[in-house]
Amino acid sequence: MTTRVVLADDQALLRSAFTVLVDSEPDMRVVGEASDGAEAVALVRERGADVVLMDIRMPGTDGLTATREISADPALAGVRVVILTTFEVDEYVVDALRAGAAGFLGKGAEPDELLAAIRTAARGEALLSPAATRGLISTFLARGGGDPADGPFREVPGLSTLTGREREVLVLVAGGLSNDEIAVRLAVSPLTIKTHVNRTMGKLGARDRAQLVVAAYESGLVRPGG
């Protein structure tokens, strides 16, 4: 099965380079290029994309707005958005993850990393390395002032309804572990972990694992460096 990719970035040279790279793979192809978020959303609807590589900062409609629009459309429920950014300094990435992005990737990533990111997103998995996630969330929390380890945190609806095991699984998901890795850690089957993850997403109203990670950090259940 071929993964259909839409590229959204206001830099034509970067789009061209990504197109050549993606189209060189037998299992994926670029079905559209967009210079802003509105064009990206239109292409996703028109071309039936599976994965969108979305620059978060673009003139006109930015990547955050476009991500929200894609995530809010039931007809596009299967579309995965990967945010392209220099995540070390971009304060909007957490907002994009909360809006429904599957993860983020630095624009300076190696070609193999970019291709792996597309495949990971297409499988429905979160593209969040533990180190990158900790640094990003720490930066986000620091926006409120003071020590990032002390907040600010917010009440996450549904968190109090989680069972002890679901909380345990949520913490491990926020640590970047896969279902298989969590299963080994907790000495249960991967299917059991998948069930816990799905129930946790349902209770927290999370679209995917990326939103679970954000919820875990924003609620204070998991803290940078903790």
N, C-alpha and C. Protein backbone atom coordinates (compact mmCIF):
# COMPACT_ATOMS: atom_id res chain seq x y z
N MET A 1 0.84 -1.20 0.00
CA MET A 1 0.00 0.00 0.00
C MET A 1 0.87 1.25 0.00
N THR A 2 0.54 2.20 -0.85
CA THR A 2 1.33 3.43 -0.97
C THR A 2 0.79 4.51 -0.05
N THR A 3 1.67 5.10 0.74
CA THR A 3 1.30 6.20 1.64
C THR A 3 1.30 7.50 0.85
N ARG A 4 0.16 8.19 0.86
CA ARG A 4 0.02 9.45 0.12
C ARG A 4 0.38 10.61 1.04
N VAL A 5 1.30 11.44 0.58
CA VAL A 5 1.86 12.51 1.41
C VAL A 5 1.57 13.88 0.81
N VAL A 6 1.15 14.81 1.68
CA VAL A 6 1.04 16.22 1.29
C VAL A 6 2.11 16.99 2.03
N LEU A 7 2.84 17.86 1.32
CA LEU A 7 3.88 18.69 1.92
C LEU A 7 3.36 20.12 2.03
N ALA A 8 3.46 20.69 3.22
CA ALA A 8 3.01 22.07 3.43
C ALA A 8 4.14 22.89 4.03
N ASP A 9 4.71 23.76 3.24
CA ASP A 9 5.81 24.62 3.68
C ASP A 9 5.89 25.80 2.72
N ASP A 10 6.17 26.98 3.25
CA ASP A 10 6.21 28.15 2.38
C ASP A 10 7.52 28.27 1.61
N GLN A 11 8.48 27.38 1.87
CA GLN A 11 9.75 27.40 1.15
C GLN A 11 9.70 26.38 0.01
N ALA A 12 9.64 26.88 -1.22
CA ALA A 12 9.51 26.01 -2.38
C ALA A 12 10.70 25.07 -2.54
N LEU A 13 11.89 25.55 -2.21
CA LEU A 13 13.09 24.72 -2.35
C LEU A 13 13.03 23.52 -1.40
N LEU A 14 12.57 23.76 -0.19
CA LEU A 14 12.45 22.68 0.79
C LEU A 14 11.40 21.67 0.35
N ARG A 15 10.28 22.15 -0.16
CA ARG A 15 9.24 21.25 -0.65
C ARG A 15 9.77 20.38 -1.78
N SER A 16 10.53 20.98 -2.68
CA SER A 16 11.08 20.24 -3.81
C SER A 16 12.02 19.15 -3.34
N ALA A 17 12.86 19.48 -2.37
CA ALA A 17 13.81 18.50 -1.85
C ALA A 17 13.08 17.34 -1.19
N PHE A 18 12.06 17.66 -0.41
CA PHE A 18 11.28 16.61 0.25
C PHE A 18 10.54 15.74 -0.76
N THR A 19 10.04 16.38 -1.82
CA THR A 19 9.31 15.63 -2.84
C THR A 19 10.21 14.60 -3.52
N VAL A 20 11.41 15.02 -3.88
CA VAL A 20 12.36 14.11 -4.51
C VAL A 20 12.66 12.94 -3.58
N LEU A 21 12.86 13.23 -2.30
CA LEU A 21 13.18 12.19 -1.33
C LEU A 21 12.02 11.21 -1.16
N VAL A 22 10.83 11.74 -0.94
CA VAL A 22 9.66 10.89 -0.70
C VAL A 22 9.34 10.05 -1.93
N ASP A 23 9.38 10.66 -3.10
CA ASP A 23 9.03 9.95 -4.33
C ASP A 23 10.07 8.90 -4.72
N SER A 24 11.23 8.94 -4.07
CA SER A 24 12.25 7.93 -4.36
C SER A 24 11.96 6.61 -3.65
N GLU A 25 10.99 6.62 -2.74
CA GLU A 25 10.63 5.42 -1.99
C GLU A 25 9.46 4.69 -2.67
N PRO A 26 9.52 3.37 -2.74
CA PRO A 26 8.47 2.63 -3.44
C PRO A 26 7.14 2.58 -2.71
N ASP A 27 7.15 2.87 -1.39
CA ASP A 27 5.92 2.73 -0.60
C ASP A 27 5.27 4.06 -0.26
N MET A 28 5.72 5.15 -0.88
CA MET A 28 5.10 6.46 -0.60
C MET A 28 5.27 7.38 -1.79
N ARG A 29 4.37 8.35 -1.89
CA ARG A 29 4.50 9.35 -2.95
C ARG A 29 3.84 10.65 -2.51
N VAL A 30 4.35 11.75 -3.02
CA VAL A 30 3.79 13.07 -2.74
C VAL A 30 2.61 13.30 -3.69
N VAL A 31 1.46 13.61 -3.11
CA VAL A 31 0.26 13.83 -3.93
C VAL A 31 -0.11 15.31 -4.00
N GLY A 32 0.65 16.16 -3.30
CA GLY A 32 0.36 17.58 -3.36
C GLY A 32 1.34 18.39 -2.54
N GLU A 33 1.59 19.64 -2.98
CA GLU A 33 2.44 20.58 -2.25
C GLU A 33 1.64 21.84 -1.97
N ALA A 34 1.78 22.36 -0.75
CA ALA A 34 1.04 23.55 -0.36
C ALA A 34 2.00 24.57 0.24
N SER A 35 1.70 25.85 0.01
CA SER A 35 2.55 26.93 0.55
C SER A 35 1.96 27.54 1.81
N ASP A 36 0.71 27.17 2.15
CA ASP A 36 0.14 27.62 3.41
C ASP A 36 -0.88 26.59 3.91
N GLY A 37 -1.40 26.83 5.12
CA GLY A 37 -2.27 25.85 5.74
C GLY A 37 -3.59 25.63 5.02
N ALA A 38 -4.18 26.69 4.52
CA ALA A 38 -5.47 26.57 3.84
C ALA A 38 -5.33 25.70 2.60
N GLU A 39 -4.26 25.90 1.87
CA GLU A 39 -4.01 25.10 0.67
C GLU A 39 -3.77 23.64 1.05
N ALA A 40 -3.09 23.44 2.17
CA ALA A 40 -2.82 22.07 2.65
C ALA A 40 -4.11 21.33 2.96
N VAL A 41 -5.01 21.98 3.67
CA VAL A 41 -6.29 21.36 4.03
C VAL A 41 -7.08 21.01 2.77
N ALA A 42 -7.09 21.92 1.80
CA ALA A 42 -7.81 21.67 0.56
C ALA A 42 -7.22 20.47 -0.19
N LEU A 43 -5.89 20.38 -0.21
CA LEU A 43 -5.24 19.27 -0.89
C LEU A 43 -5.51 17.93 -0.19
N VAL A 44 -5.52 17.97 1.13
CA VAL A 44 -5.80 16.74 1.89
C VAL A 44 -7.19 16.22 1.54
N ARG A 45 -8.15 17.11 1.48
CA ARG A 45 -9.51 16.71 1.14
C ARG A 45 -9.63 16.24 -0.31
N GLU A 46 -8.91 16.92 -1.19
CA GLU A 46 -9.02 16.62 -2.62
C GLU A 46 -8.26 15.34 -3.00
N ARG A 47 -7.07 15.17 -2.43
CA ARG A 47 -6.20 14.07 -2.87
C ARG A 47 -6.26 12.84 -1.97
N GLY A 48 -6.96 12.92 -0.84
CA GLY A 48 -7.05 11.76 0.04
C GLY A 48 -5.72 11.40 0.67
N ALA A 49 -5.02 12.37 1.23
CA ALA A 49 -3.71 12.14 1.82
C ALA A 49 -3.78 11.27 3.08
N ASP A 50 -2.71 10.56 3.34
CA ASP A 50 -2.58 9.77 4.57
C ASP A 50 -1.76 10.52 5.61
N VAL A 51 -0.70 11.21 5.15
CA VAL A 51 0.21 11.92 6.05
C VAL A 51 0.46 13.31 5.49
N VAL A 52 0.48 14.31 6.39
CA VAL A 52 0.81 15.68 6.02
C VAL A 52 2.07 16.09 6.76
N LEU A 53 3.09 16.52 6.03
CA LEU A 53 4.26 17.15 6.65
C LEU A 53 3.97 18.64 6.68
N MET A 54 3.74 19.17 7.87
CA MET A 54 3.18 20.52 8.02
C MET A 54 4.15 21.46 8.74
N ASP A 55 4.59 22.48 8.02
CA ASP A 55 5.37 23.54 8.65
C ASP A 55 4.44 24.30 9.58
N ILE A 56 4.87 24.57 10.80
CA ILE A 56 3.97 25.21 11.75
C ILE A 56 3.90 26.71 11.53
N ARG A 57 4.94 27.29 10.93
CA ARG A 57 4.96 28.74 10.71
C ARG A 57 4.93 29.03 9.22
N MET A 58 3.78 29.49 8.75
CA MET A 58 3.62 29.86 7.35
C MET A 58 2.78 31.12 7.27
N PRO A 59 3.00 31.95 6.25
CA PRO A 59 2.16 33.13 6.07
C PRO A 59 0.73 32.72 5.73
N GLY A 60 -0.21 33.60 6.02
CA GLY A 60 -1.61 33.25 5.78
C GLY A 60 -2.09 32.30 6.85
N THR A 61 -2.67 31.19 6.46
CA THR A 61 -3.12 30.19 7.41
C THR A 61 -1.93 29.35 7.86
N ASP A 62 -1.62 29.39 9.16
CA ASP A 62 -0.43 28.69 9.63
C ASP A 62 -0.71 27.20 9.86
N GLY A 63 0.34 26.47 10.21
CA GLY A 63 0.21 25.03 10.38
C GLY A 63 -0.64 24.62 11.56
N LEU A 64 -0.64 25.44 12.61
CA LEU A 64 -1.45 25.13 13.79
C LEU A 64 -2.93 25.17 13.44
N THR A 65 -3.34 26.22 12.76
CA THR A 65 -4.75 26.36 12.35
C THR A 65 -5.15 25.22 11.42
N ALA A 66 -4.27 24.89 10.48
CA ALA A 66 -4.57 23.82 9.54
C ALA A 66 -4.68 22.47 10.24
N THR A 67 -3.81 22.24 11.21
CA THR A 67 -3.85 20.99 11.97
C THR A 67 -5.16 20.86 12.72
N ARG A 68 -5.59 21.94 13.34
CA ARG A 68 -6.87 21.93 14.06
C ARG A 68 -8.03 21.61 13.11
N GLU A 69 -7.98 22.20 11.92
CA GLU A 69 -9.07 21.99 10.97
C GLU A 69 -9.12 20.54 10.50
N ILE A 70 -7.96 19.97 10.23
CA ILE A 70 -7.90 18.57 9.80
C ILE A 70 -8.39 17.65 10.91
N SER A 71 -7.92 17.89 12.14
CA SER A 71 -8.27 17.03 13.26
C SER A 71 -9.75 17.11 13.62
N ALA A 72 -10.37 18.27 13.37
CA ALA A 72 -11.77 18.47 13.74
C ALA A 72 -12.74 17.91 12.70
N ASP A 73 -12.24 17.50 11.55
CA ASP A 73 -13.10 17.02 10.47
C ASP A 73 -13.21 15.49 10.54
N PRO A 74 -14.38 14.96 10.88
CA PRO A 74 -14.54 13.50 10.98
C PRO A 74 -14.18 12.78 9.68
N ALA A 75 -14.36 13.43 8.56
CA ALA A 75 -14.04 12.82 7.28
C ALA A 75 -12.54 12.63 7.08
N LEU A 76 -11.74 13.34 7.90
CA LEU A 76 -10.28 13.25 7.78
C LEU A 76 -9.66 12.55 8.99
N ALA A 77 -10.45 11.72 9.64
CA ALA A 77 -10.01 11.08 10.89
C ALA A 77 -8.75 10.24 10.72
N GLY A 78 -8.53 9.71 9.52
CA GLY A 78 -7.36 8.86 9.30
C GLY A 78 -6.12 9.61 8.87
N VAL A 79 -6.21 10.92 8.72
CA VAL A 79 -5.06 11.71 8.26
C VAL A 79 -4.14 12.02 9.44
N ARG A 80 -2.86 11.80 9.26
CA ARG A 80 -1.87 12.05 10.31
C ARG A 80 -1.03 13.26 9.94
N VAL A 81 -0.90 14.19 10.87
CA VAL A 81 -0.12 15.40 10.64
C VAL A 81 1.19 15.33 11.42
N VAL A 82 2.30 15.50 10.72
CA VAL A 82 3.61 15.58 11.36
C VAL A 82 4.09 17.02 11.22
N ILE A 83 4.34 17.65 12.35
CA ILE A 83 4.76 19.05 12.36
C ILE A 83 6.25 19.15 12.06
N LEU A 84 6.60 20.03 11.12
CA LEU A 84 7.99 20.31 10.80
C LEU A 84 8.40 21.59 11.51
N THR A 85 9.45 21.52 12.31
CA THR A 85 9.82 22.68 13.10
C THR A 85 11.23 22.54 13.65
N THR A 86 11.75 23.62 14.15
CA THR A 86 12.95 23.57 14.99
C THR A 86 12.41 23.53 16.41
N PHE A 87 12.06 22.32 16.90
CA PHE A 87 11.25 22.19 18.10
C PHE A 87 11.89 22.76 19.35
N GLU A 88 13.22 22.96 19.33
CA GLU A 88 13.86 23.46 20.54
C GLU A 88 13.36 24.85 20.91
N VAL A 89 12.88 25.61 19.93
CA VAL A 89 12.51 26.99 20.21
C VAL A 89 11.07 27.31 19.84
N ASP A 90 10.36 26.35 19.28
CA ASP A 90 9.02 26.65 18.79
C ASP A 90 7.97 26.35 19.85
N GLU A 91 7.41 27.41 20.42
CA GLU A 91 6.47 27.26 21.53
C GLU A 91 5.09 26.78 21.09
N TYR A 92 4.85 26.71 19.79
CA TYR A 92 3.53 26.32 19.31
C TYR A 92 3.37 24.82 19.06
N VAL A 93 4.46 24.07 19.18
CA VAL A 93 4.38 22.65 18.87
C VAL A 93 3.45 21.91 19.83
N VAL A 94 3.51 22.23 21.12
CA VAL A 94 2.61 21.58 22.08
C VAL A 94 1.16 21.86 21.72
N ASP A 95 0.88 23.10 21.30
CA ASP A 95 -0.49 23.43 20.89
C ASP A 95 -0.90 22.58 19.69
N ALA A 96 0.03 22.32 18.78
CA ALA A 96 -0.27 21.50 17.62
C ALA A 96 -0.52 20.05 18.02
N LEU A 97 0.25 19.55 18.97
CA LEU A 97 0.03 18.19 19.46
C LEU A 97 -1.33 18.08 20.12
N ARG A 98 -1.68 19.08 20.91
CA ARG A 98 -2.99 19.08 21.55
C ARG A 98 -4.10 19.16 20.50
N ALA A 99 -3.81 19.84 19.40
CA ALA A 99 -4.80 19.99 18.33
C ALA A 99 -4.96 18.72 17.51
N GLY A 100 -4.03 17.76 17.67
CA GLY A 100 -4.20 16.50 16.96
C GLY A 100 -3.05 16.05 16.11
N ALA A 101 -1.93 16.78 16.11
CA ALA A 101 -0.77 16.35 15.34
C ALA A 101 -0.22 15.04 15.91
N ALA A 102 0.30 14.19 15.03
CA ALA A 102 0.83 12.90 15.46
C ALA A 102 2.22 13.02 16.08
N GLY A 103 2.88 14.13 15.84
CA GLY A 103 4.22 14.31 16.38
C GLY A 103 4.93 15.43 15.66
N PHE A 104 6.23 15.53 15.90
CA PHE A 104 6.98 16.62 15.29
C PHE A 104 8.36 16.14 14.90
N LEU A 105 8.95 16.86 13.95
CA LEU A 105 10.25 16.50 13.42
C LEU A 105 11.01 17.77 13.10
N GLY A 106 12.27 17.83 13.52
CA GLY A 106 13.09 18.99 13.20
C GLY A 106 13.40 19.06 11.72
N LYS A 107 13.43 20.26 11.17
CA LYS A 107 13.69 20.42 9.73
C LYS A 107 15.10 19.97 9.36
N GLY A 108 15.96 19.88 10.35
CA GLY A 108 17.32 19.44 10.08
C GLY A 108 17.50 17.94 10.18
N ALA A 109 16.39 17.20 10.23
CA ALA A 109 16.47 15.75 10.36
C ALA A 109 17.14 15.13 9.14
N GLU A 110 17.78 13.98 9.36
CA GLU A 110 18.40 13.25 8.25
C GLU A 110 17.31 12.66 7.36
N PRO A 111 17.62 12.42 6.08
CA PRO A 111 16.63 11.84 5.17
C PRO A 111 15.98 10.57 5.69
N ASP A 112 16.77 9.67 6.26
CA ASP A 112 16.21 8.43 6.80
C ASP A 112 15.23 8.70 7.93
N GLU A 113 15.50 9.73 8.73
CA GLU A 113 14.61 10.08 9.84
C GLU A 113 13.27 10.58 9.30
N LEU A 114 13.33 11.38 8.24
CA LEU A 114 12.10 11.91 7.66
C LEU A 114 11.24 10.78 7.10
N LEU A 115 11.86 9.87 6.38
CA LEU A 115 11.12 8.74 5.81
C LEU A 115 10.55 7.85 6.90
N ALA A 116 11.34 7.63 7.95
CA ALA A 116 10.85 6.82 9.07
C ALA A 116 9.68 7.50 9.76
N ALA A 117 9.73 8.84 9.85
CA ALA A 117 8.64 9.59 10.47
C ALA A 117 7.34 9.42 9.71
N ILE A 118 7.42 9.46 8.39
CA ILE A 118 6.22 9.28 7.56
C ILE A 118 5.64 7.89 7.79
N ARG A 119 6.50 6.89 7.80
CA ARG A 119 6.02 5.51 8.00
C ARG A 119 5.43 5.33 9.40
N THR A 120 6.06 5.93 10.40
CA THR A 120 5.55 5.82 11.77
C THR A 120 4.17 6.45 11.88
N ALA A 121 4.03 7.65 11.31
CA ALA A 121 2.74 8.34 11.35
C ALA A 121 1.68 7.55 10.60
N ALA A 122 2.05 7.00 9.45
CA ALA A 122 1.09 6.25 8.64
C ALA A 122 0.58 5.01 9.37
N ARG A 123 1.40 4.46 10.26
CA ARG A 123 0.98 3.29 11.06
C ARG A 123 0.07 3.69 12.22
N GLY A 124 -0.11 4.98 12.42
CA GLY A 124 -0.97 5.44 13.50
C GLY A 124 -0.27 5.60 14.82
N GLU A 125 1.07 5.62 14.80
CA GLU A 125 1.84 5.75 16.03
C GLU A 125 2.26 7.19 16.24
N ALA A 126 2.56 7.53 17.50
CA ALA A 126 3.00 8.88 17.82
C ALA A 126 4.48 9.04 17.51
N LEU A 127 4.82 10.16 16.89
CA LEU A 127 6.20 10.45 16.54
C LEU A 127 6.78 11.38 17.60
N LEU A 128 7.16 10.80 18.73
CA LEU A 128 7.63 11.59 19.86
C LEU A 128 8.78 10.85 20.55
N SER A 129 9.99 11.31 20.33
CA SER A 129 11.10 10.69 21.04
C SER A 129 11.08 11.18 22.48
N PRO A 130 11.50 10.35 23.43
CA PRO A 130 11.48 10.76 24.84
C PRO A 130 12.26 12.04 25.10
N ALA A 131 13.48 12.16 24.54
CA ALA A 131 14.31 13.34 24.80
C ALA A 131 13.67 14.60 24.24
N ALA A 132 13.19 14.52 23.01
CA ALA A 132 12.57 15.68 22.39
C ALA A 132 11.31 16.10 23.13
N THR A 133 10.53 15.13 23.56
CA THR A 133 9.29 15.43 24.27
C THR A 133 9.57 16.12 25.60
N ARG A 134 10.53 15.61 26.35
CA ARG A 134 10.85 16.22 27.65
C ARG A 134 11.29 17.66 27.47
N GLY A 135 12.16 17.91 26.47
CA GLY A 135 12.64 19.26 26.25
C GLY A 135 11.54 20.20 25.82
N LEU A 136 10.66 19.71 24.95
CA LEU A 136 9.57 20.54 24.44
C LEU A 136 8.58 20.88 25.54
N ILE A 137 8.16 19.88 26.29
CA ILE A 137 7.18 20.13 27.35
C ILE A 137 7.76 21.03 28.42
N SER A 138 9.04 20.85 28.73
CA SER A 138 9.69 21.71 29.72
C SER A 138 9.66 23.16 29.27
N THR A 139 9.94 23.39 27.99
CA THR A 139 9.89 24.75 27.44
C THR A 139 8.48 25.30 27.51
N PHE A 140 7.49 24.46 27.18
CA PHE A 140 6.09 24.89 27.22
C PHE A 140 5.67 25.30 28.63
N LEU A 141 6.01 24.46 29.61
CA LEU A 141 5.62 24.76 30.98
C LEU A 141 6.30 26.01 31.49
N ALA A 142 7.52 26.26 31.03
CA ALA A 142 8.26 27.42 31.48
C ALA A 142 7.65 28.73 31.00
N ARG A 143 6.76 28.67 30.02
CA ARG A 143 6.12 29.89 29.53
C ARG A 143 5.33 30.59 30.63
N GLY A 144 4.88 29.79 31.61
CA GLY A 144 4.11 30.37 32.69
C GLY A 144 4.97 31.01 33.76
N GLY A 145 6.30 30.91 33.61
CA GLY A 145 7.20 31.51 34.58
C GLY A 145 7.57 30.54 35.67
N GLY A 146 8.69 30.77 36.32
CA GLY A 146 9.12 29.92 37.42
C GLY A 146 9.76 28.65 36.93
N ASP A 147 9.85 27.69 37.82
CA ASP A 147 10.50 26.41 37.53
C ASP A 147 9.54 25.51 36.76
N PRO A 148 9.96 25.00 35.58
CA PRO A 148 9.08 24.12 34.81
C PRO A 148 8.61 22.91 35.61
N ALA A 149 9.42 22.46 36.57
CA ALA A 149 9.03 21.30 37.36
C ALA A 149 7.85 21.60 38.28
N ASP A 150 7.56 22.89 38.48
CA ASP A 150 6.46 23.28 39.37
C ASP A 150 5.20 23.69 38.63
N GLY A 151 5.18 23.61 37.32
CA GLY A 151 3.97 23.96 36.60
C GLY A 151 4.21 25.08 35.60
N PRO A 152 3.20 25.75 35.06
CA PRO A 152 1.81 25.61 35.47
C PRO A 152 1.16 24.34 34.91
N PHE A 153 0.27 23.77 35.69
CA PHE A 153 -0.45 22.59 35.25
C PHE A 153 -1.92 22.93 35.14
N ARG A 154 -2.67 22.08 34.45
CA ARG A 154 -4.10 22.32 34.30
C ARG A 154 -4.85 21.04 34.58
N GLU A 155 -6.11 21.19 34.93
CA GLU A 155 -6.95 20.02 35.18
C GLU A 155 -7.29 19.38 33.84
N VAL A 156 -7.03 18.10 33.73
CA VAL A 156 -7.32 17.36 32.50
C VAL A 156 -8.59 16.55 32.72
N PRO A 157 -9.68 16.89 32.03
CA PRO A 157 -10.94 16.16 32.21
C PRO A 157 -10.76 14.66 31.99
N GLY A 158 -11.27 13.88 32.91
CA GLY A 158 -11.22 12.44 32.77
C GLY A 158 -10.05 11.78 33.47
N LEU A 159 -9.07 12.59 33.89
CA LEU A 159 -7.88 11.99 34.53
C LEU A 159 -8.25 11.25 35.81
N SER A 160 -9.18 11.79 36.56
CA SER A 160 -9.56 11.16 37.82
C SER A 160 -10.31 9.84 37.63
N THR A 161 -10.77 9.57 36.41
CA THR A 161 -11.51 8.33 36.16
C THR A 161 -10.59 7.18 35.77
N LEU A 162 -9.30 7.47 35.57
CA LEU A 162 -8.38 6.41 35.17
C LEU A 162 -8.12 5.44 36.33
N THR A 163 -8.00 4.17 36.00
CA THR A 163 -7.62 3.19 37.00
C THR A 163 -6.13 3.33 37.30
N GLY A 164 -5.68 2.67 38.35
CA GLY A 164 -4.27 2.71 38.69
C GLY A 164 -3.40 2.19 37.56
N ARG A 165 -3.80 1.12 36.93
CA ARG A 165 -3.01 0.58 35.82
C ARG A 165 -3.03 1.51 34.62
N GLU A 166 -4.17 2.15 34.35
CA GLU A 166 -4.24 3.09 33.23
C GLU A 166 -3.32 4.29 33.46
N ARG A 167 -3.24 4.76 34.70
CA ARG A 167 -2.31 5.84 35.02
C ARG A 167 -0.87 5.39 34.80
N GLU A 168 -0.60 4.17 35.20
CA GLU A 168 0.74 3.63 35.04
C GLU A 168 1.12 3.54 33.57
N VAL A 169 0.19 3.09 32.76
CA VAL A 169 0.42 2.99 31.32
C VAL A 169 0.59 4.39 30.73
N LEU A 170 -0.22 5.35 31.17
CA LEU A 170 -0.13 6.71 30.67
C LEU A 170 1.26 7.30 30.93
N VAL A 171 1.80 7.07 32.12
CA VAL A 171 3.13 7.56 32.45
C VAL A 171 4.18 6.97 31.51
N LEU A 172 4.05 5.68 31.22
CA LEU A 172 5.02 5.03 30.34
C LEU A 172 4.86 5.48 28.88
N VAL A 173 3.62 5.73 28.46
CA VAL A 173 3.40 6.28 27.13
C VAL A 173 4.07 7.65 27.03
N ALA A 174 3.92 8.47 28.07
CA ALA A 174 4.54 9.80 28.09
C ALA A 174 6.05 9.72 28.09
N GLY A 175 6.59 8.58 28.53
CA GLY A 175 8.03 8.38 28.49
C GLY A 175 8.54 7.94 27.14
N GLY A 176 7.63 7.79 26.17
CA GLY A 176 8.03 7.44 24.82
C GLY A 176 8.10 5.96 24.54
N LEU A 177 7.59 5.13 25.45
CA LEU A 177 7.65 3.69 25.26
C LEU A 177 6.54 3.21 24.32
N SER A 178 6.85 2.20 23.52
CA SER A 178 5.86 1.59 22.64
C SER A 178 5.01 0.61 23.44
N ASN A 179 3.94 0.11 22.84
CA ASN A 179 3.10 -0.88 23.51
C ASN A 179 3.91 -2.12 23.89
N ASP A 180 4.76 -2.56 22.97
CA ASP A 180 5.58 -3.75 23.24
C ASP A 180 6.53 -3.52 24.42
N GLU A 181 7.13 -2.34 24.46
CA GLU A 181 8.05 -2.02 25.56
C GLU A 181 7.32 -1.92 26.89
N ILE A 182 6.13 -1.33 26.87
CA ILE A 182 5.33 -1.24 28.10
C ILE A 182 4.91 -2.62 28.56
N ALA A 183 4.55 -3.48 27.61
CA ALA A 183 4.14 -4.85 27.94
C ALA A 183 5.26 -5.60 28.66
N VAL A 184 6.48 -5.43 28.18
CA VAL A 184 7.63 -6.07 28.83
C VAL A 184 7.83 -5.50 30.23
N ARG A 185 7.72 -4.18 30.34
CA ARG A 185 7.92 -3.52 31.64
C ARG A 185 6.89 -3.99 32.66
N LEU A 186 5.65 -4.19 32.23
CA LEU A 186 4.58 -4.54 33.16
C LEU A 186 4.27 -6.04 33.16
N ALA A 187 5.00 -6.79 32.36
CA ALA A 187 4.85 -8.26 32.31
C ALA A 187 3.42 -8.67 31.94
N VAL A 188 2.88 -8.02 30.91
CA VAL A 188 1.57 -8.38 30.37
C VAL A 188 1.70 -8.44 28.85
N SER A 189 0.61 -8.78 28.16
CA SER A 189 0.67 -8.89 26.71
C SER A 189 0.53 -7.51 26.05
N PRO A 190 1.09 -7.34 24.85
CA PRO A 190 0.92 -6.08 24.11
C PRO A 190 -0.55 -5.77 23.85
N LEU A 191 -1.36 -6.81 23.65
CA LEU A 191 -2.80 -6.59 23.43
C LEU A 191 -3.45 -5.97 24.65
N THR A 192 -3.03 -6.41 25.84
CA THR A 192 -3.56 -5.82 27.08
C THR A 192 -3.19 -4.35 27.17
N ILE A 193 -1.95 -4.03 26.81
CA ILE A 193 -1.52 -2.63 26.85
C ILE A 193 -2.29 -1.80 25.84
N LYS A 194 -2.51 -2.37 24.65
CA LYS A 194 -3.28 -1.65 23.64
C LYS A 194 -4.68 -1.34 24.16
N THR A 195 -5.27 -2.29 24.88
CA THR A 195 -6.60 -2.07 25.46
C THR A 195 -6.56 -0.94 26.47
N HIS A 196 -5.54 -0.93 27.33
CA HIS A 196 -5.40 0.13 28.34
C HIS A 196 -5.22 1.49 27.67
N VAL A 197 -4.39 1.54 26.62
CA VAL A 197 -4.13 2.80 25.92
C VAL A 197 -5.41 3.31 25.28
N ASN A 198 -6.15 2.42 24.63
CA ASN A 198 -7.39 2.84 23.98
C ASN A 198 -8.42 3.34 24.99
N ARG A 199 -8.53 2.65 26.13
CA ARG A 199 -9.46 3.10 27.17
C ARG A 199 -9.04 4.44 27.74
N THR A 200 -7.73 4.63 27.91
CA THR A 200 -7.23 5.90 28.44
C THR A 200 -7.50 7.03 27.47
N MET A 201 -7.30 6.78 26.17
CA MET A 201 -7.61 7.81 25.18
C MET A 201 -9.09 8.16 25.21
N GLY A 202 -9.93 7.15 25.36
CA GLY A 202 -11.37 7.39 25.42
C GLY A 202 -11.76 8.23 26.61
N LYS A 203 -11.19 7.93 27.78
CA LYS A 203 -11.53 8.67 29.00
C LYS A 203 -11.01 10.11 28.96
N LEU A 204 -9.87 10.31 28.32
CA LEU A 204 -9.28 11.66 28.28
C LEU A 204 -9.68 12.44 27.03
N GLY A 205 -10.43 11.79 26.14
CA GLY A 205 -10.83 12.46 24.91
C GLY A 205 -9.66 12.74 24.00
N ALA A 206 -8.66 11.86 24.05
CA ALA A 206 -7.45 12.05 23.24
C ALA A 206 -7.61 11.38 21.89
N ARG A 207 -7.14 12.05 20.86
CA ARG A 207 -7.24 11.52 19.49
C ARG A 207 -6.22 10.42 19.26
N ASP A 208 -5.03 10.55 19.89
CA ASP A 208 -3.98 9.58 19.69
C ASP A 208 -2.98 9.64 20.83
N ARG A 209 -1.89 8.90 20.70
CA ARG A 209 -0.88 8.83 21.75
C ARG A 209 -0.20 10.17 22.00
N ALA A 210 -0.05 10.96 20.94
CA ALA A 210 0.59 12.26 21.12
C ALA A 210 -0.20 13.12 22.10
N GLN A 211 -1.52 13.09 21.99
CA GLN A 211 -2.34 13.87 22.92
C GLN A 211 -2.28 13.29 24.33
N LEU A 212 -2.07 11.99 24.45
CA LEU A 212 -1.88 11.40 25.78
C LEU A 212 -0.62 11.96 26.43
N VAL A 213 0.44 12.10 25.65
CA VAL A 213 1.69 12.63 26.19
C VAL A 213 1.49 14.05 26.71
N VAL A 214 0.83 14.88 25.91
CA VAL A 214 0.57 16.26 26.32
C VAL A 214 -0.26 16.29 27.59
N ALA A 215 -1.30 15.47 27.66
CA ALA A 215 -2.17 15.43 28.85
C ALA A 215 -1.39 15.02 30.08
N ALA A 216 -0.48 14.05 29.94
CA ALA A 216 0.30 13.59 31.08
C ALA A 216 1.18 14.68 31.65
N TYR A 217 1.79 15.47 30.76
CA TYR A 217 2.66 16.55 31.22
C TYR A 217 1.86 17.75 31.72
N GLU A 218 0.81 18.10 30.98
CA GLU A 218 0.05 19.29 31.38
C GLU A 218 -0.67 19.09 32.72
N SER A 219 -1.05 17.87 33.02
CA SER A 219 -1.74 17.60 34.28
C SER A 219 -0.77 17.52 35.46
N GLY A 220 0.52 17.38 35.16
CA GLY A 220 1.50 17.23 36.23
C GLY A 220 1.73 15.79 36.62
N LEU A 221 1.03 14.86 35.97
CA LEU A 221 1.21 13.44 36.27
C LEU A 221 2.64 13.02 35.96
N VAL A 222 3.19 13.61 34.89
CA VAL A 222 4.58 13.40 34.54
C VAL A 222 5.22 14.78 34.48
N ARG A 223 6.45 14.90 35.02
CA ARG A 223 7.12 16.19 35.04
C ARG A 223 8.48 16.09 34.40
N PRO A 224 8.90 17.14 33.70
CA PRO A 224 10.23 17.12 33.06
C PRO A 224 11.30 16.78 34.08
N GLY A 225 12.12 15.79 33.74
CA GLY A 225 13.19 15.41 34.64
C GLY A 225 12.76 14.49 35.75
N GLY A 226 11.41 14.21 35.81
CA GLY A 226 10.91 13.37 36.90
C GLY A 226 10.82 11.93 36.51
